[in-house]
Full PDB file with SEQRES, HELIX, SHEET, SSBOND, CRYST1, ORIGX, SCALE, CONECT and MASTER records, all heavy atoms in Angstrom:
SEQRES   1 A   30  ILE ILE LYS PRO GLY GLU LEU ARG GLU LEU PHE PHE PRO          
SEQRES   2 A   30  TYR HIS SER LEU ASP THR GLY ALA ALA ILE GLU ARG ILE          
SEQRES   3 A   30  LEU GLU ALA LYS                                              
HELIX    1 AA1 PRO A    4  GLU A    9  1                                   6    
HELIX    2 AA2 PHE A   11  TYR A   14  1                                   4    
HELIX    3 AA3 THR A   19  ALA A   29  1                                  11    
CRYST1    1.000    1.000    1.000  90.00  90.00  90.00 P 1           1          
ORIGX1      1.000000  0.000000  0.000000        0.00000                         
ORIGX2      0.000000  1.000000  0.000000        0.00000                         
ORIGX3      0.000000  0.000000  1.000000        0.00000                         
SCALE1      1.000000  0.000000  0.000000        0.00000                         
SCALE2      0.000000  1.000000  0.000000        0.00000                         
SCALE3      0.000000  0.000000  1.000000        0.00000                         
ATOM      1  N   ILE A   1     191.385  -0.429-126.628  1.00  0.00           N  
ATOM      2  CA  ILE A   1     191.934  -0.547-127.982  1.00  0.00           C  
ATOM      3  C   ILE A   1     191.960  -1.999-128.431  1.00  0.00           C  
ATOM      4  O   ILE A   1     191.608  -2.308-129.570  1.00  0.00           O  
ATOM      5  CB  ILE A   1     193.353   0.069-128.060  1.00  0.00           C  
ATOM      6  CG1 ILE A   1     193.267   1.576-127.833  1.00  0.00           C  
ATOM      7  CG2 ILE A   1     194.004  -0.232-129.409  1.00  0.00           C  
ATOM      8  CD1 ILE A   1     194.613   2.256-127.656  1.00  0.00           C  
ATOM      9  N   ILE A   2     192.393  -2.896-127.556  1.00  0.00           N  
ATOM     10  CA  ILE A   2     192.476  -4.306-127.930  1.00  0.00           C  
ATOM     11  C   ILE A   2     192.084  -5.190-126.754  1.00  0.00           C  
ATOM     12  O   ILE A   2     192.651  -5.102-125.675  1.00  0.00           O  
ATOM     13  CB  ILE A   2     193.867  -4.682-128.487  1.00  0.00           C  
ATOM     14  CG1 ILE A   2     193.842  -6.092-129.049  1.00  0.00           C  
ATOM     15  CG2 ILE A   2     194.950  -4.482-127.461  1.00  0.00           C  
ATOM     16  CD1 ILE A   2     194.967  -6.379-130.014  1.00  0.00           C  
ATOM     17  N   LYS A   3     191.088  -6.016-126.974  1.00  0.00           N  
ATOM     18  CA  LYS A   3     190.571  -6.927-125.958  1.00  0.00           C  
ATOM     19  C   LYS A   3     191.396  -8.211-125.932  1.00  0.00           C  
ATOM     20  O   LYS A   3     192.085  -8.554-126.893  1.00  0.00           O  
ATOM     21  CB  LYS A   3     189.107  -7.260-126.246  1.00  0.00           C  
ATOM     22  CG  LYS A   3     188.178  -6.057-126.307  1.00  0.00           C  
ATOM     23  CD  LYS A   3     187.956  -5.460-124.948  1.00  0.00           C  
ATOM     24  CE  LYS A   3     186.830  -4.474-124.898  1.00  0.00           C  
ATOM     25  NZ  LYS A   3     187.155  -3.124-125.177  1.00  0.00           N  
ATOM     26  N   PRO A   4     191.332  -8.958-124.839  1.00  0.00           N  
ATOM     27  CA  PRO A   4     192.136 -10.176-124.695  1.00  0.00           C  
ATOM     28  C   PRO A   4     191.935 -11.214-125.797  1.00  0.00           C  
ATOM     29  O   PRO A   4     192.908 -11.820-126.263  1.00  0.00           O  
ATOM     30  CB  PRO A   4     191.690 -10.733-123.344  1.00  0.00           C  
ATOM     31  CG  PRO A   4     191.205  -9.556-122.591  1.00  0.00           C  
ATOM     32  CD  PRO A   4     190.603  -8.649-123.615  1.00  0.00           C  
ATOM     33  N   GLY A   5     190.699 -11.433-126.225  1.00  0.00           N  
ATOM     34  CA  GLY A   5     190.454 -12.426-127.272  1.00  0.00           C  
ATOM     35  C   GLY A   5     191.172 -12.078-128.567  1.00  0.00           C  
ATOM     36  O   GLY A   5     191.767 -12.943-129.222  1.00  0.00           O  
ATOM     37  N   GLU A   6     191.130 -10.818-128.910  1.00  0.00           N  
ATOM     38  CA  GLU A   6     191.799 -10.342-130.117  1.00  0.00           C  
ATOM     39  C   GLU A   6     193.318 -10.426-129.960  1.00  0.00           C  
ATOM     40  O   GLU A   6     194.031 -10.834-130.877  1.00  0.00           O  
ATOM     41  CB  GLU A   6     191.361  -8.896-130.369  1.00  0.00           C  
ATOM     42  CG  GLU A   6     191.759  -8.328-131.682  1.00  0.00           C  
ATOM     43  CD  GLU A   6     191.252  -6.909-131.878  1.00  0.00           C  
ATOM     44  OE1 GLU A   6     190.570  -6.353-130.978  1.00  0.00           O  
ATOM     45  OE2 GLU A   6     191.552  -6.350-132.940  1.00  0.00           O  
ATOM     46  N   LEU A   7     193.801 -10.080-128.785  1.00  0.00           N  
ATOM     47  CA  LEU A   7     195.238 -10.134-128.521  1.00  0.00           C  
ATOM     48  C   LEU A   7     195.731 -11.580-128.513  1.00  0.00           C  
ATOM     49  O   LEU A   7     196.816 -11.876-129.014  1.00  0.00           O  
ATOM     50  CB  LEU A   7     195.543  -9.457-127.182  1.00  0.00           C  
ATOM     51  CG  LEU A   7     196.991  -9.128-126.859  1.00  0.00           C  
ATOM     52  CD1 LEU A   7     197.611  -8.279-127.968  1.00  0.00           C  
ATOM     53  CD2 LEU A   7     197.071  -8.393-125.537  1.00  0.00           C  
ATOM     54  N   ARG A   8     194.898 -12.467-128.012  1.00  0.00           N  
ATOM     55  CA  ARG A   8     195.266 -13.891-127.987  1.00  0.00           C  
ATOM     56  C   ARG A   8     195.471 -14.425-129.398  1.00  0.00           C  
ATOM     57  O   ARG A   8     196.356 -15.236-129.651  1.00  0.00           O  
ATOM     58  CB  ARG A   8     194.189 -14.688-127.269  1.00  0.00           C  
ATOM     59  CG  ARG A   8     194.535 -16.144-127.095  1.00  0.00           C  
ATOM     60  CD  ARG A   8     193.428 -16.897-126.431  1.00  0.00           C  
ATOM     61  NE  ARG A   8     193.853 -18.256-126.128  1.00  0.00           N  
ATOM     62  CZ  ARG A   8     193.013 -19.255-125.986  1.00  0.00           C  
ATOM     63  NH1 ARG A   8     191.707 -19.058-126.085  1.00  0.00           N  
ATOM     64  NH2 ARG A   8     193.467 -20.460-125.717  1.00  0.00           N  
ATOM     65  N   GLU A   9     194.638 -13.983-130.336  1.00  0.00           N  
ATOM     66  CA  GLU A   9     194.776 -14.408-131.727  1.00  0.00           C  
ATOM     67  C   GLU A   9     196.097 -13.944-132.336  1.00  0.00           C  
ATOM     68  O   GLU A   9     196.581 -14.537-133.293  1.00  0.00           O  
ATOM     69  CB  GLU A   9     193.613 -13.886-132.566  1.00  0.00           C  
ATOM     70  CG  GLU A   9     192.286 -14.540-132.239  1.00  0.00           C  
ATOM     71  CD  GLU A   9     191.122 -13.927-133.002  1.00  0.00           C  
ATOM     72  OE1 GLU A   9     191.361 -13.119-133.936  1.00  0.00           O  
ATOM     73  OE2 GLU A   9     189.982 -14.241-132.658  1.00  0.00           O  
ATOM     74  N   LEU A  10     196.674 -12.889-131.788  1.00  0.00           N  
ATOM     75  CA  LEU A  10     197.935 -12.350-132.305  1.00  0.00           C  
ATOM     76  C   LEU A  10     199.164 -12.958-131.627  1.00  0.00           C  
ATOM     77  O   LEU A  10     200.287 -12.642-132.003  1.00  0.00           O  
ATOM     78  CB  LEU A  10     197.952 -10.828-132.129  1.00  0.00           C  
ATOM     79  CG  LEU A  10     196.863 -10.064-132.880  1.00  0.00           C  
ATOM     80  CD1 LEU A  10     196.909  -8.586-132.522  1.00  0.00           C  
ATOM     81  CD2 LEU A  10     197.003 -10.267-134.370  1.00  0.00           C  
ATOM     82  N   PHE A  11     198.946 -13.833-130.658  1.00  0.00           N  
ATOM     83  CA  PHE A  11     200.070 -14.387-129.919  1.00  0.00           C  
ATOM     84  C   PHE A  11     201.072 -15.085-130.839  1.00  0.00           C  
ATOM     85  O   PHE A  11     202.261 -14.761-130.824  1.00  0.00           O  
ATOM     86  CB  PHE A  11     199.582 -15.358-128.833  1.00  0.00           C  
ATOM     87  CG  PHE A  11     200.710 -16.074-128.143  1.00  0.00           C  
ATOM     88  CD1 PHE A  11     201.539 -15.400-127.261  1.00  0.00           C  
ATOM     89  CD2 PHE A  11     200.955 -17.420-128.390  1.00  0.00           C  
ATOM     90  CE1 PHE A  11     202.592 -16.054-126.626  1.00  0.00           C  
ATOM     91  CE2 PHE A  11     202.000 -18.078-127.762  1.00  0.00           C  
ATOM     92  CZ  PHE A  11     202.812 -17.398-126.875  1.00  0.00           C  
ATOM     93  N   PHE A  12     200.620 -16.035-131.642  1.00  0.00           N  
ATOM     94  CA  PHE A  12     201.566 -16.786-132.473  1.00  0.00           C  
ATOM     95  C   PHE A  12     202.288 -15.918-133.500  1.00  0.00           C  
ATOM     96  O   PHE A  12     203.503 -16.021-133.634  1.00  0.00           O  
ATOM     97  CB  PHE A  12     200.895 -17.995-133.117  1.00  0.00           C  
ATOM     98  CG  PHE A  12     200.711 -19.114-132.140  1.00  0.00           C  
ATOM     99  CD1 PHE A  12     199.453 -19.459-131.694  1.00  0.00           C  
ATOM    100  CD2 PHE A  12     201.795 -19.806-131.630  1.00  0.00           C  
ATOM    101  CE1 PHE A  12     199.275 -20.470-130.771  1.00  0.00           C  
ATOM    102  CE2 PHE A  12     201.638 -20.821-130.708  1.00  0.00           C  
ATOM    103  CZ  PHE A  12     200.371 -21.160-130.272  1.00  0.00           C  
ATOM    104  N   PRO A  13     201.613 -15.040-134.216  1.00  0.00           N  
ATOM    105  CA  PRO A  13     202.377 -14.233-135.172  1.00  0.00           C  
ATOM    106  C   PRO A  13     203.250 -13.140-134.542  1.00  0.00           C  
ATOM    107  O   PRO A  13     204.249 -12.736-135.120  1.00  0.00           O  
ATOM    108  CB  PRO A  13     201.309 -13.610-136.067  1.00  0.00           C  
ATOM    109  CG  PRO A  13     200.035 -13.708-135.332  1.00  0.00           C  
ATOM    110  CD  PRO A  13     200.172 -14.852-134.384  1.00  0.00           C  
ATOM    111  N   TYR A  14     202.899 -12.659-133.332  1.00  0.00           N  
ATOM    112  CA  TYR A  14     203.594 -11.498-132.779  1.00  0.00           C  
ATOM    113  C   TYR A  14     204.457 -11.782-131.553  1.00  0.00           C  
ATOM    114  O   TYR A  14     205.246 -10.931-131.152  1.00  0.00           O  
ATOM    115  CB  TYR A  14     202.586 -10.411-132.387  1.00  0.00           C  
ATOM    116  CG  TYR A  14     201.931  -9.701-133.548  1.00  0.00           C  
ATOM    117  CD1 TYR A  14     202.173 -10.043-134.870  1.00  0.00           C  
ATOM    118  CD2 TYR A  14     201.040  -8.665-133.318  1.00  0.00           C  
ATOM    119  CE1 TYR A  14     201.556  -9.388-135.919  1.00  0.00           C  
ATOM    120  CE2 TYR A  14     200.428  -7.997-134.363  1.00  0.00           C  
ATOM    121  CZ  TYR A  14     200.692  -8.368-135.656  1.00  0.00           C  
ATOM    122  OH  TYR A  14     200.087  -7.707-136.690  1.00  0.00           O  
ATOM    123  N   HIS A  15     204.338 -12.932-130.905  1.00  0.00           N  
ATOM    124  CA  HIS A  15     205.024 -13.122-129.624  1.00  0.00           C  
ATOM    125  C   HIS A  15     206.550 -13.126-129.735  1.00  0.00           C  
ATOM    126  O   HIS A  15     207.234 -12.832-128.767  1.00  0.00           O  
ATOM    127  CB  HIS A  15     204.549 -14.397-128.917  1.00  0.00           C  
ATOM    128  CG  HIS A  15     205.151 -15.657-129.444  1.00  0.00           C  
ATOM    129  ND1 HIS A  15     204.682 -16.275-130.573  1.00  0.00           N  
ATOM    130  CD2 HIS A  15     206.184 -16.403-128.986  1.00  0.00           C  
ATOM    131  CE1 HIS A  15     205.405 -17.363-130.792  1.00  0.00           C  
ATOM    132  NE2 HIS A  15     206.323 -17.469-129.851  1.00  0.00           N  
ATOM    133  N   SER A  16     207.068 -13.405-130.916  1.00  0.00           N  
ATOM    134  CA  SER A  16     208.531 -13.413-131.063  1.00  0.00           C  
ATOM    135  C   SER A  16     209.084 -12.057-131.506  1.00  0.00           C  
ATOM    136  O   SER A  16     210.290 -11.880-131.582  1.00  0.00           O  
ATOM    137  CB  SER A  16     208.957 -14.505-132.051  1.00  0.00           C  
ATOM    138  OG  SER A  16     208.389 -14.259-133.312  1.00  0.00           O  
ATOM    139  N   LEU A  17     208.200 -11.106-131.764  1.00  0.00           N  
ATOM    140  CA  LEU A  17     208.632  -9.756-132.135  1.00  0.00           C  
ATOM    141  C   LEU A  17     209.040  -8.961-130.894  1.00  0.00           C  
ATOM    142  O   LEU A  17     208.610  -9.265-129.781  1.00  0.00           O  
ATOM    143  CB  LEU A  17     207.488  -8.996-132.819  1.00  0.00           C  
ATOM    144  CG  LEU A  17     206.994  -9.482-134.163  1.00  0.00           C  
ATOM    145  CD1 LEU A  17     205.793  -8.656-134.594  1.00  0.00           C  
ATOM    146  CD2 LEU A  17     208.087  -9.398-135.202  1.00  0.00           C  
ATOM    147  N   ASP A  18     209.832  -7.937-131.107  1.00  0.00           N  
ATOM    148  CA  ASP A  18     210.078  -6.966-130.055  1.00  0.00           C  
ATOM    149  C   ASP A  18     208.726  -6.409-129.621  1.00  0.00           C  
ATOM    150  O   ASP A  18     207.841  -6.182-130.457  1.00  0.00           O  
ATOM    151  CB  ASP A  18     210.976  -5.846-130.605  1.00  0.00           C  
ATOM    152  CG  ASP A  18     211.125  -4.714-129.629  1.00  0.00           C  
ATOM    153  OD1 ASP A  18     211.811  -4.898-128.614  1.00  0.00           O  
ATOM    154  OD2 ASP A  18     210.529  -3.640-129.895  1.00  0.00           O  
ATOM    155  N   THR A  19     208.543  -6.207-128.325  1.00  0.00           N  
ATOM    156  CA  THR A  19     207.243  -5.774-127.809  1.00  0.00           C  
ATOM    157  C   THR A  19     206.789  -4.463-128.446  1.00  0.00           C  
ATOM    158  O   THR A  19     205.626  -4.316-128.818  1.00  0.00           O  
ATOM    159  CB  THR A  19     207.292  -5.633-126.279  1.00  0.00           C  
ATOM    160  OG1 THR A  19     207.852  -6.833-125.729  1.00  0.00           O  
ATOM    161  CG2 THR A  19     205.915  -5.420-125.708  1.00  0.00           C  
ATOM    162  N   GLY A  20     207.690  -3.513-128.586  1.00  0.00           N  
ATOM    163  CA  GLY A  20     207.345  -2.235-129.223  1.00  0.00           C  
ATOM    164  C   GLY A  20     206.898  -2.422-130.663  1.00  0.00           C  
ATOM    165  O   GLY A  20     205.945  -1.790-131.118  1.00  0.00           O  
ATOM    166  N   ALA A  21     207.573  -3.313-131.392  1.00  0.00           N  
ATOM    167  CA  ALA A  21     207.197  -3.587-132.786  1.00  0.00           C  
ATOM    168  C   ALA A  21     205.827  -4.249-132.857  1.00  0.00           C  
ATOM    169  O   ALA A  21     205.027  -3.945-133.755  1.00  0.00           O  
ATOM    170  CB  ALA A  21     208.249  -4.475-133.448  1.00  0.00           C  
ATOM    171  N   ALA A  22     205.532  -5.143-131.923  1.00  0.00           N  
ATOM    172  CA  ALA A  22     204.216  -5.793-131.898  1.00  0.00           C  
ATOM    173  C   ALA A  22     203.113  -4.759-131.681  1.00  0.00           C  
ATOM    174  O   ALA A  22     202.078  -4.797-132.360  1.00  0.00           O  
ATOM    175  CB  ALA A  22     204.178  -6.859-130.806  1.00  0.00           C  
ATOM    176  N   ILE A  23     203.345  -3.832-130.767  1.00  0.00           N  
ATOM    177  CA  ILE A  23     202.354  -2.783-130.502  1.00  0.00           C  
ATOM    178  C   ILE A  23     202.159  -1.911-131.742  1.00  0.00           C  
ATOM    179  O   ILE A  23     201.033  -1.580-132.112  1.00  0.00           O  
ATOM    180  CB  ILE A  23     202.765  -1.936-129.279  1.00  0.00           C  
ATOM    181  CG1 ILE A  23     202.727  -2.794-128.015  1.00  0.00           C  
ATOM    182  CG2 ILE A  23     201.881  -0.701-129.138  1.00  0.00           C  
ATOM    183  CD1 ILE A  23     203.406  -2.171-126.812  1.00  0.00           C  
ATOM    184  N   GLU A  24     203.258  -1.536-132.379  1.00  0.00           N  
ATOM    185  CA  GLU A  24     203.159  -0.725-133.595  1.00  0.00           C  
ATOM    186  C   GLU A  24     202.363  -1.447-134.680  1.00  0.00           C  
ATOM    187  O   GLU A  24     201.556  -0.835-135.378  1.00  0.00           O  
ATOM    188  CB  GLU A  24     204.550  -0.368-134.102  1.00  0.00           C  
ATOM    189  CG  GLU A  24     205.256   0.656-133.231  1.00  0.00           C  
ATOM    190  CD  GLU A  24     206.710   0.896-133.629  1.00  0.00           C  
ATOM    191  OE1 GLU A  24     207.140   0.399-134.697  1.00  0.00           O  
ATOM    192  OE2 GLU A  24     207.412   1.577-132.869  1.00  0.00           O  
ATOM    193  N   ARG A  25     202.568  -2.739-134.826  1.00  0.00           N  
ATOM    194  CA  ARG A  25     201.810  -3.506-135.825  1.00  0.00           C  
ATOM    195  C   ARG A  25     200.329  -3.565-135.475  1.00  0.00           C  
ATOM    196  O   ARG A  25     199.474  -3.502-136.355  1.00  0.00           O  
ATOM    197  CB  ARG A  25     202.368  -4.918-135.961  1.00  0.00           C  
ATOM    198  CG  ARG A  25     203.672  -4.938-136.706  1.00  0.00           C  
ATOM    199  CD  ARG A  25     204.055  -6.320-137.090  1.00  0.00           C  
ATOM    200  NE  ARG A  25     205.306  -6.290-137.826  1.00  0.00           N  
ATOM    201  CZ  ARG A  25     205.857  -7.352-138.359  1.00  0.00           C  
ATOM    202  NH1 ARG A  25     205.268  -8.522-138.256  1.00  0.00           N  
ATOM    203  NH2 ARG A  25     206.985  -7.254-139.006  1.00  0.00           N  
ATOM    204  N   ILE A  26     200.029  -3.706-134.203  1.00  0.00           N  
ATOM    205  CA  ILE A  26     198.626  -3.721-133.783  1.00  0.00           C  
ATOM    206  C   ILE A  26     197.975  -2.380-134.104  1.00  0.00           C  
ATOM    207  O   ILE A  26     196.877  -2.321-134.665  1.00  0.00           O  
ATOM    208  CB  ILE A  26     198.508  -4.045-132.277  1.00  0.00           C  
ATOM    209  CG1 ILE A  26     198.920  -5.496-132.015  1.00  0.00           C  
ATOM    210  CG2 ILE A  26     197.088  -3.793-131.779  1.00  0.00           C  
ATOM    211  CD1 ILE A  26     199.132  -5.827-130.546  1.00  0.00           C  
ATOM    212  N   LEU A  27     198.658  -1.294-133.752  1.00  0.00           N  
ATOM    213  CA  LEU A  27     198.116   0.040-134.037  1.00  0.00           C  
ATOM    214  C   LEU A  27     197.952   0.254-135.541  1.00  0.00           C  
ATOM    215  O   LEU A  27     196.955   0.820-135.992  1.00  0.00           O  
ATOM    216  CB  LEU A  27     199.027   1.113-133.443  1.00  0.00           C  
ATOM    217  CG  LEU A  27     199.007   1.232-131.918  1.00  0.00           C  
ATOM    218  CD1 LEU A  27     200.125   2.150-131.440  1.00  0.00           C  
ATOM    219  CD2 LEU A  27     197.658   1.724-131.431  1.00  0.00           C  
ATOM    220  N   GLU A  28     198.932  -0.206-136.311  1.00  0.00           N  
ATOM    221  CA  GLU A  28     198.869  -0.073-137.762  1.00  0.00           C  
ATOM    222  C   GLU A  28     197.695  -0.875-138.332  1.00  0.00           C  
ATOM    223  O   GLU A  28     196.959  -0.378-139.181  1.00  0.00           O  
ATOM    224  CB  GLU A  28     200.180  -0.572-138.360  1.00  0.00           C  
ATOM    225  CG  GLU A  28     200.281  -0.405-139.866  1.00  0.00           C  
ATOM    226  CD  GLU A  28     201.623  -0.904-140.376  1.00  0.00           C  
ATOM    227  OE1 GLU A  28     202.666  -0.486-139.831  1.00  0.00           O  
ATOM    228  OE2 GLU A  28     201.614  -1.720-141.313  1.00  0.00           O  
ATOM    229  N   ALA A  29     197.496  -2.094-137.844  1.00  0.00           N  
ATOM    230  CA  ALA A  29     196.400  -2.937-138.322  1.00  0.00           C  
ATOM    231  C   ALA A  29     195.049  -2.326-137.973  1.00  0.00           C  
ATOM    232  O   ALA A  29     194.077  -2.481-138.718  1.00  0.00           O  
ATOM    233  CB  ALA A  29     196.510  -4.336-137.726  1.00  0.00           C  
ATOM    234  N   LYS A  30     194.974  -1.619-136.862  1.00  0.00           N  
ATOM    235  CA  LYS A  30     193.737  -0.966-136.452  1.00  0.00           C  
ATOM    236  C   LYS A  30     193.616   0.443-137.033  1.00  0.00           C  
ATOM    237  O   LYS A  30     192.666   1.152-136.732  1.00  0.00           O  
ATOM    238  CB  LYS A  30     193.645  -0.920-134.925  1.00  0.00           C  
ATOM    239  CG  LYS A  30     193.449  -2.287-134.314  1.00  0.00           C  
ATOM    240  CD  LYS A  30     193.319  -2.162-132.826  1.00  0.00           C  
ATOM    241  CE  LYS A  30     192.642  -3.347-132.241  1.00  0.00           C  
ATOM    242  NZ  LYS A  30     191.240  -3.486-132.539  1.00  0.00           N  
TER     243      LYS A  30                                                      
MASTER        0    0    0    3    0    0    0    6  242    1    0    3          
END                                                                             
C-alpha cells in the first residue's frame, strides 16, 4: 500500500499525529 520513500515524505506532516489518524489520512489520500 505504501512504500518507504512515500512514507518518508509524510514524516513531517504526519509524525505528530496519533498513529491511527495518520494511517486513516494515508488511506484517505490513496
